[in-house]
């Protein structure tokens, strides 16, 4: 076992998905360095692993390019304060868990000061920001990757990289237990179920609540027997969702809001309507047909739509390298379009069988011991393997 005397690791996650990924890495590291000390910024899962967080992780959470502008000075102040403290404390390494807009800038400054830096989850340079690779070359000592096709991209760019598998592929069973999930949620085994996932970020909920609720209303008219459930990430998200649905005059739609239990809600589903993001990969790993939607502030969209390098935005399609599930972006994400697409995913049995097989193959390709692989890479970087 590696020596653990006075080993200090700093980490930052800015969103729920990064918090989950970083916590798994921290657990793997502690198995090798029992007395490791963690500091930085993180959420509930990282706190459970012993992180001392400078500020609540929610303070960092912001979505979109234009939306960050009003909060730039605040976020920059947090970054500078953390940078100065870490340069003074000299941790063995800094690990940025996703959240590249904040973490890459911090990593660049820390690495310039001589602190080794790792970045967990490669920024999607292959999809949106190809020019970002030059900053990554300056900022990152070692990249930890969760998608297999990324490794060659970073190595060609001269950035040391390790594919560690995706932690979700370990957490989600290859064959989900639909009956157990429905029992947990109090849903009959023979019900037809659509799970609606408008996102965990407030900005996602802001733009997707109305079209998602509108789609539910249209689907319920088409088949009143369908059950609709929507997992909510927290009370704040649930209250905001209800407020927006009521403002749109859709408060009477038959949509049951569930506190948490997102995995049970996905496992119980026959089809899923989801905001683009990590949730779409979770749905694929549960082998469920889905429809993906993405909406942001208009100004952000005008910038982003000229930056895309891939024709896909949803993770299942990116991994498959083709449109295996439908995507509706910005103005195309209308209630009618979403309802029609969900109905197809719900009722076309040949399509459902084909998707189940593709998603099973995808699951196997992402399955590694990510905690062990990521902690091994960190130990190599800090010279304690």
Protein backbone atom coordinates (compact mmCIF):
# COMPACT_ATOMS: atom_id res chain seq x y z
CA UNK A 1 0.00 0.00 0.00
CA UNK A 2 1.20 3.48 -0.81
CA UNK A 3 2.34 5.79 1.97
CA UNK A 4 -0.38 8.21 2.94
CA UNK A 5 1.44 10.57 5.32
CA UNK A 6 0.21 14.14 4.87
CA UNK A 7 -1.19 13.54 1.39
CA UNK A 8 -3.45 16.44 0.46
CA UNK A 9 -5.60 16.23 -2.68
CA UNK A 10 -7.67 19.22 -3.83
CA UNK A 11 -10.79 18.76 -5.98
CA UNK A 12 -13.52 20.90 -7.51
CA UNK A 13 -16.90 19.80 -8.87
CA UNK A 14 -19.50 22.32 -9.98
CA UNK A 15 -22.47 20.08 -10.76
CA UNK A 16 -24.23 16.93 -9.56
CA UNK A 17 -22.64 14.70 -12.23
CA UNK A 18 -19.13 15.89 -11.35
CA UNK A 19 -19.85 15.40 -7.66
CA UNK A 20 -20.80 11.78 -8.32
CA UNK A 21 -17.72 11.10 -10.47
CA UNK A 22 -15.30 12.76 -8.05
CA UNK A 23 -16.75 10.94 -5.03
CA UNK A 24 -16.11 7.59 -6.67
CA UNK A 25 -12.52 8.57 -7.43
CA UNK A 26 -12.08 9.76 -3.83
CA UNK A 27 -13.33 6.43 -2.50
CA UNK A 28 -10.86 4.58 -4.72
CA UNK A 29 -7.99 6.79 -3.59
CA UNK A 30 -8.78 6.35 0.09
CA UNK A 31 -8.38 2.60 -0.31
CA UNK A 32 -4.74 3.29 -1.23
CA UNK A 33 -4.20 6.40 0.92
CA UNK A 34 -6.29 5.91 4.08
CA UNK A 35 -5.16 9.19 5.65
CA UNK A 36 -5.60 11.35 2.56
CA UNK A 37 -7.03 14.83 3.15
CA UNK A 38 -9.48 16.30 0.65
CA UNK A 39 -10.27 19.99 0.19
CA UNK A 40 -11.83 22.16 -2.50
CA UNK A 41 -15.45 22.51 -3.62
CA UNK A 42 -17.97 19.73 -4.00
CA UNK A 43 -21.44 18.41 -3.27
CA UNK A 44 -23.08 15.89 -0.97
CA UNK A 45 -21.33 12.79 -2.30
CA UNK A 46 -17.87 14.37 -2.07
CA UNK A 47 -18.65 15.59 1.45
CA UNK A 48 -19.49 12.00 2.39
CA UNK A 49 -15.97 11.04 1.26
CA UNK A 50 -14.43 13.62 3.59
CA UNK A 51 -14.14 16.73 1.42
CA UNK A 52 -13.84 20.06 3.24
CA UNK A 53 -15.66 22.36 0.81
CA UNK A 54 -14.83 26.08 0.64
CA UNK A 55 -18.30 27.04 -0.61
CA UNK A 56 -21.50 25.10 -1.37
CA UNK A 57 -21.26 23.44 -4.79
CA UNK A 58 -24.57 25.06 -5.84
CA UNK A 59 -22.74 28.39 -5.77
CA UNK A 60 -20.87 27.34 -8.91
CA UNK A 61 -23.74 25.83 -10.86
CA UNK A 62 -24.62 27.83 -13.97
CA UNK A 63 -25.62 26.69 -17.46
CA UNK A 64 -25.18 28.35 -20.86
CA UNK A 65 -22.67 30.80 -22.32
CA UNK A 66 -24.55 34.04 -21.84
CA UNK A 67 -26.04 33.07 -18.47
CA UNK A 68 -22.59 33.06 -16.84
CA UNK A 69 -21.94 36.76 -17.60
CA UNK A 70 -23.91 38.29 -14.68
CA UNK A 71 -22.06 35.98 -12.28
CA UNK A 72 -18.59 36.25 -13.80
CA UNK A 73 -17.07 38.44 -11.07
CA UNK A 74 -18.49 36.26 -8.31
CA UNK A 75 -17.21 33.03 -9.86
CA UNK A 76 -13.84 34.57 -10.70
CA UNK A 77 -13.51 35.71 -7.10
CA UNK A 78 -14.16 32.18 -5.84
CA UNK A 79 -11.63 30.80 -8.32
CA UNK A 80 -8.94 33.33 -7.32
CA UNK A 81 -9.43 32.75 -3.59
CA UNK A 82 -9.15 28.99 -4.04
CA UNK A 83 -6.12 29.37 -6.33
CA UNK A 84 -4.24 31.49 -3.79
CA UNK A 85 -5.00 29.08 -0.97
CA UNK A 86 -3.93 26.01 -2.93
CA UNK A 87 -0.71 27.63 -4.16
CA UNK A 88 0.09 28.39 -0.53
CA UNK A 89 -0.86 24.90 0.72
CA UNK A 90 0.80 22.96 -2.17
CA UNK A 91 -1.48 19.88 -2.43
CA UNK A 92 -0.01 16.74 -3.98
CA UNK A 93 -2.42 17.23 -6.90
CA UNK A 94 -5.50 19.12 -8.00
CA UNK A 95 -8.35 17.23 -9.67
CA UNK A 96 -11.01 19.10 -11.62
CA UNK A 97 -14.20 17.05 -11.92
CA UNK A 98 -15.78 18.21 -15.18
CA UNK A 99 -16.99 21.87 -14.98
CA UNK A 100 -14.31 22.94 -17.51
CA UNK A 101 -15.12 26.64 -17.70
CA UNK A 102 -14.06 27.04 -14.08
CA UNK A 103 -11.65 24.17 -13.61
CA UNK A 104 -9.43 24.53 -16.67
CA UNK A 105 -8.60 28.13 -15.80
CA UNK A 106 -7.79 27.12 -12.24
CA UNK A 107 -5.76 24.12 -13.40
CA UNK A 108 -3.72 26.26 -15.76
CA UNK A 109 -2.67 28.57 -12.93
CA UNK A 110 -1.99 25.74 -10.48
CA UNK A 111 0.07 23.77 -12.99
CA UNK A 112 2.12 26.88 -13.80
CA UNK A 113 2.92 27.08 -10.09
CA UNK A 114 4.20 23.48 -10.09
CA UNK A 115 1.13 21.63 -8.76
CA UNK A 116 0.22 18.51 -10.80
CA UNK A 117 -3.28 18.75 -12.28
CA UNK A 118 -5.73 16.11 -13.44
CA UNK A 119 -9.02 16.70 -15.17
CA UNK A 120 -11.78 14.14 -14.76
CA UNK A 121 -14.06 13.93 -17.81
CA UNK A 122 -12.56 15.33 -20.97
CA UNK A 123 -14.32 18.49 -22.20
CA UNK A 124 -16.30 17.72 -25.33
CA UNK A 125 -13.76 19.26 -27.68
CA UNK A 126 -14.91 16.74 -30.28
CA UNK A 127 -18.40 18.23 -30.20
CA UNK A 128 -18.26 21.94 -29.40
CA UNK A 129 -14.92 23.53 -28.56
CA UNK A 130 -12.10 22.17 -30.71
CA UNK A 131 -9.96 25.22 -29.96
CA UNK A 132 -10.00 24.40 -26.26
CA UNK A 133 -7.34 21.71 -26.74
CA UNK A 134 -4.55 24.30 -26.56
CA UNK A 135 -5.72 25.42 -23.14
CA UNK A 136 -5.96 21.78 -22.03
CA UNK A 137 -2.36 21.23 -23.15
CA UNK A 138 -1.28 24.07 -20.83
CA UNK A 139 -3.60 23.24 -17.96
CA UNK A 140 -3.74 19.47 -17.56
CA UNK A 141 -0.98 17.10 -16.46
CA UNK A 142 -3.18 14.05 -17.01
CA UNK A 143 -6.69 13.59 -18.38
CA UNK A 144 -9.10 10.97 -17.00
CA UNK A 145 -11.59 9.92 -19.69
CA UNK A 146 -14.97 8.22 -19.40
CA UNK A 147 -15.56 7.54 -23.11
CA UNK A 148 -13.29 5.12 -25.02
CA UNK A 149 -13.02 7.08 -28.29
CA UNK A 150 -11.53 10.12 -26.49
CA UNK A 151 -8.20 8.52 -25.55
CA UNK A 152 -6.69 8.74 -29.03
CA UNK A 153 -7.85 12.36 -29.45
CA UNK A 154 -5.97 13.52 -26.36
CA UNK A 155 -2.89 11.42 -27.02
CA UNK A 156 -2.60 12.87 -30.52
CA UNK A 157 -2.73 16.31 -28.89
CA UNK A 158 0.12 15.34 -26.55
CA UNK A 159 -2.02 15.25 -23.40
CA UNK A 160 -1.40 12.14 -21.24
CA UNK A 161 -4.75 10.41 -20.86
CA UNK A 162 -6.31 7.29 -19.32
CA UNK A 163 -9.67 5.78 -20.23
CA UNK A 164 -11.17 4.66 -16.92
CA UNK A 165 -14.67 3.62 -17.99
CA UNK A 166 -17.86 5.36 -16.94
CA UNK A 167 -18.86 4.99 -13.25
CA UNK A 168 -22.54 4.85 -14.21
CA UNK A 169 -21.89 1.66 -16.15
CA UNK A 170 -20.86 0.01 -12.86
CA UNK A 171 -23.75 1.39 -10.83
CA UNK A 172 -26.53 0.46 -13.25
CA UNK A 173 -27.18 -3.28 -13.73
CA UNK A 174 -26.86 -4.81 -17.17
CA UNK A 175 -30.43 -6.09 -16.76
CA UNK A 176 -32.54 -3.58 -14.81
CA UNK A 177 -35.27 -4.91 -12.50
CA UNK A 178 -38.40 -3.23 -13.84
CA UNK A 179 -40.76 -5.01 -11.44
CA UNK A 180 -38.76 -3.95 -8.38
CA UNK A 181 -38.63 -0.34 -9.57
CA UNK A 182 -42.37 -0.24 -10.13
CA UNK A 183 -43.01 -1.80 -6.73
CA UNK A 184 -40.77 0.85 -5.13
CA UNK A 185 -42.77 3.60 -6.82
CA UNK A 186 -46.19 2.04 -6.28
CA UNK A 187 -46.82 1.53 -10.01
CA UNK A 188 -48.63 -1.60 -11.31
CA UNK A 189 -46.38 -4.00 -13.20
CA UNK A 190 -48.64 -3.97 -16.26
CA UNK A 191 -48.90 -0.16 -16.53
CA UNK A 192 -47.57 1.77 -19.50
CA UNK A 193 -45.11 4.31 -18.04
CA UNK A 194 -43.43 7.42 -19.46
CA UNK A 195 -40.73 9.06 -17.32
CA UNK A 196 -40.20 12.80 -17.83
CA UNK A 197 -36.81 14.26 -16.88
CA UNK A 198 -36.62 18.06 -17.32
CA UNK A 199 -33.18 18.22 -15.67
CA UNK A 200 -31.65 19.03 -12.30
CA UNK A 201 -30.37 22.51 -13.18
CA UNK A 202 -32.72 25.43 -12.77
CA UNK A 203 -31.93 26.67 -16.30
CA UNK A 204 -32.91 23.32 -17.80
CA UNK A 205 -36.18 23.35 -15.90
CA UNK A 206 -36.81 26.94 -16.97
CA UNK A 207 -36.73 26.14 -20.67
CA UNK A 208 -38.07 22.58 -20.74
CA UNK A 209 -40.93 22.54 -18.22
CA UNK A 210 -43.55 23.98 -20.57
CA UNK A 211 -42.78 21.84 -23.67
CA UNK A 212 -42.42 18.70 -21.54
CA UNK A 213 -45.72 19.30 -19.70
CA UNK A 214 -47.36 20.14 -23.03
CA UNK A 215 -46.13 16.86 -24.49
CA UNK A 216 -47.52 14.96 -21.50
CA UNK A 217 -50.93 16.60 -22.04
CA UNK A 218 -50.99 15.51 -25.70
CA UNK A 219 -49.87 11.96 -24.87
CA UNK A 220 -52.48 11.63 -22.13
CA UNK A 221 -55.17 12.58 -24.64
CA UNK A 222 -53.87 9.92 -27.02
CA UNK A 223 -53.87 7.22 -24.33
CA UNK A 224 -55.38 8.11 -20.93
CA UNK A 225 -54.07 4.86 -19.42
CA UNK A 226 -50.40 5.95 -19.63
CA UNK A 227 -48.75 6.83 -16.30
CA UNK A 228 -46.41 9.84 -16.30
CA UNK A 229 -43.77 10.31 -13.59
CA UNK A 230 -41.05 12.94 -13.19
CA UNK A 231 -38.17 12.59 -10.71
CA UNK A 232 -37.25 15.92 -9.10
CA UNK A 233 -33.67 16.56 -7.94
CA UNK A 234 -34.81 18.61 -4.90
CA UNK A 235 -37.53 20.74 -3.37
CA UNK A 236 -36.29 23.88 -5.11
CA UNK A 237 -36.44 22.20 -8.52
CA UNK A 238 -39.87 20.74 -7.80
CA UNK A 239 -41.32 24.10 -6.72
CA UNK A 240 -39.86 25.83 -9.78
CA UNK A 241 -41.21 23.17 -12.12
CA UNK A 242 -44.69 23.46 -10.60
CA UNK A 243 -44.57 27.25 -10.87
CA UNK A 244 -43.65 27.18 -14.56
CA UNK A 245 -46.22 24.52 -15.41
CA UNK A 246 -48.92 26.52 -13.64
CA UNK A 247 -47.94 29.71 -15.48
CA UNK A 248 -48.31 27.82 -18.76
CA UNK A 249 -51.81 26.70 -17.74
CA UNK A 250 -50.76 23.06 -17.67
CA UNK A 251 -51.14 22.34 -13.96
CA UNK A 252 -53.87 19.78 -14.67
CA UNK A 253 -51.62 17.42 -16.66
CA UNK A 254 -51.46 13.90 -15.13
CA UNK A 255 -47.78 14.10 -14.20
CA UNK A 256 -46.69 12.71 -10.83
CA UNK A 257 -43.63 14.42 -9.35
CA UNK A 258 -41.32 12.04 -7.49
CA UNK A 259 -38.79 13.14 -4.88
CA UNK A 260 -35.42 11.87 -6.13
CA UNK A 261 -35.38 8.17 -7.08
CA UNK A 262 -34.33 9.01 -10.63
CA UNK A 263 -32.90 5.55 -11.27
CA UNK A 264 -36.10 3.85 -10.11
CA UNK A 265 -38.12 6.19 -12.33
CA UNK A 266 -35.96 5.32 -15.34
CA UNK A 267 -36.02 1.58 -14.60
CA UNK A 268 -39.80 1.67 -14.29
CA UNK A 269 -40.29 3.43 -17.63
CA UNK A 270 -41.36 2.12 -21.00
CA UNK A 271 -40.07 5.34 -22.59
CA UNK A 272 -38.30 8.48 -21.34
CA UNK A 273 -38.41 12.15 -22.31
CA UNK A 274 -35.15 13.67 -21.07
CA UNK A 275 -33.12 16.86 -21.06
CA UNK A 276 -29.81 16.44 -22.86
CA UNK A 277 -27.01 15.59 -20.44
CA UNK A 278 -25.83 12.78 -18.19
CA UNK A 279 -29.42 11.62 -17.69
CA UNK A 280 -29.58 10.46 -21.30
CA UNK A 281 -26.64 8.12 -20.70
CA UNK A 282 -28.39 6.78 -17.59
CA UNK A 283 -31.47 6.09 -19.68
CA UNK A 284 -29.37 4.25 -22.28
CA UNK A 285 -27.70 2.14 -19.58
CA UNK A 286 -31.17 1.20 -18.32
CA UNK A 287 -31.89 0.12 -21.95
CA UNK A 288 -34.88 2.45 -22.34
CA UNK A 289 -36.16 4.13 -25.54
CA UNK A 290 -35.89 7.90 -25.19
CA UNK A 291 -36.43 11.30 -26.73
CA UNK A 292 -33.82 13.99 -26.03
CA UNK A 293 -34.52 17.73 -25.82
CA UNK A 294 -32.22 20.73 -25.39
CA UNK A 295 -33.15 24.39 -24.90
CA UNK A 296 -31.16 27.36 -23.61
CA UNK A 297 -31.35 31.16 -23.68
CA UNK A 298 -31.66 32.38 -27.26
CA UNK A 299 -28.34 34.26 -27.22
CA UNK A 300 -26.51 31.18 -25.95
CA UNK A 301 -28.10 29.06 -28.66
CA UNK A 302 -27.07 31.45 -31.42
CA UNK A 303 -23.46 31.15 -30.26
CA UNK A 304 -23.51 27.39 -29.68
CA UNK A 305 -25.15 26.37 -32.93
CA UNK A 306 -22.19 27.79 -34.86
CA UNK A 307 -19.68 25.92 -32.70
CA UNK A 308 -20.82 22.33 -33.22
CA UNK A 309 -18.47 19.82 -34.83
CA UNK A 310 -20.78 16.80 -34.51
CA UNK A 311 -24.31 16.36 -35.76
CA UNK A 312 -25.35 14.90 -32.37
CA UNK A 313 -25.83 16.44 -28.93
CA UNK A 314 -27.18 13.47 -26.92
CA UNK A 315 -24.61 11.16 -25.35
CA UNK A 316 -26.21 7.92 -26.63
CA UNK A 317 -26.04 9.24 -30.20
CA UNK A 318 -22.47 10.52 -29.75
CA UNK A 319 -21.36 7.11 -28.49
CA UNK A 320 -23.23 5.30 -31.26
CA UNK A 321 -21.95 7.81 -33.86
CA UNK A 322 -25.44 7.99 -35.35
CA UNK A 323 -28.97 9.12 -34.50
CA UNK A 324 -30.28 6.05 -32.71
CA UNK A 325 -32.69 8.19 -30.64
CA UNK A 326 -34.35 11.46 -31.69
CA UNK A 327 -33.07 14.86 -30.59
CA UNK A 328 -35.10 18.08 -30.56
CA UNK A 329 -33.06 21.24 -30.15
CA UNK A 330 -34.22 24.73 -29.21
CA UNK A 331 -37.25 25.77 -31.33
CA UNK A 332 -37.76 22.21 -32.59
CA UNK A 333 -38.57 21.04 -29.03
CA UNK A 334 -42.30 21.70 -29.30
CA UNK A 335 -44.93 19.78 -27.33
CA UNK A 336 -46.33 18.18 -30.49
CA UNK A 337 -42.94 17.07 -31.83
CA UNK A 338 -41.93 15.65 -28.45
CA UNK A 339 -45.25 13.86 -27.97
CA UNK A 340 -45.12 12.26 -31.42
CA UNK A 341 -41.56 11.07 -30.89
CA UNK A 342 -42.29 9.67 -27.41
CA UNK A 343 -45.33 7.85 -28.77
CA UNK A 344 -43.16 6.12 -31.37
CA UNK A 345 -40.61 5.12 -28.72
CA UNK A 346 -43.43 3.84 -26.54
CA UNK A 347 -45.25 1.75 -29.15
CA UNK A 348 -42.87 0.54 -31.89
CA UNK A 349 -41.72 -2.86 -30.66
CA UNK A 350 -39.11 -3.46 -33.38
CA UNK A 351 -37.44 -0.15 -32.52
CA UNK A 352 -37.56 -0.94 -28.81
CA UNK A 353 -35.82 -4.29 -29.31
CA UNK A 354 -33.16 -2.76 -31.54
CA UNK A 355 -32.42 -0.01 -29.02
CA UNK A 356 -32.18 -2.47 -26.14
CA UNK A 357 -29.48 -4.39 -27.98
CA UNK A 358 -27.54 -1.25 -28.95
CA UNK A 359 -27.67 0.04 -25.39
CA UNK A 360 -26.48 -3.30 -24.00
CA UNK A 361 -23.44 -3.16 -26.30
CA UNK A 362 -22.84 0.44 -25.22
CA UNK A 363 -23.03 -0.60 -21.56
CA UNK A 364 -20.34 -3.26 -22.03
CA UNK A 365 -18.05 -0.76 -23.79
CA UNK A 366 -18.23 1.62 -20.80
CA UNK A 367 -17.82 -1.00 -18.08
CA UNK A 368 -14.55 -0.76 -16.13
CA UNK A 369 -13.56 -0.51 -12.46
CA UNK A 370 -13.49 3.29 -12.67
CA UNK A 371 -12.55 3.90 -9.03
CA UNK A 372 -9.54 1.61 -9.34
CA UNK A 373 -8.49 2.90 -12.76
CA UNK A 374 -8.80 6.58 -11.81
CA UNK A 375 -7.05 6.21 -8.45
CA UNK A 376 -4.19 4.34 -10.13
CA UNK A 377 -3.70 7.23 -12.55
CA UNK A 378 -3.73 9.78 -9.70
CA UNK A 379 -1.19 7.77 -7.71
CA UNK A 380 1.09 7.66 -10.74
CA UNK A 381 0.86 11.44 -11.19
CA UNK A 382 1.70 12.14 -7.53
CA UNK A 383 4.43 9.50 -7.44
CA UNK A 384 2.84 7.22 -4.85
CA UNK A 385 1.99 4.13 -6.86
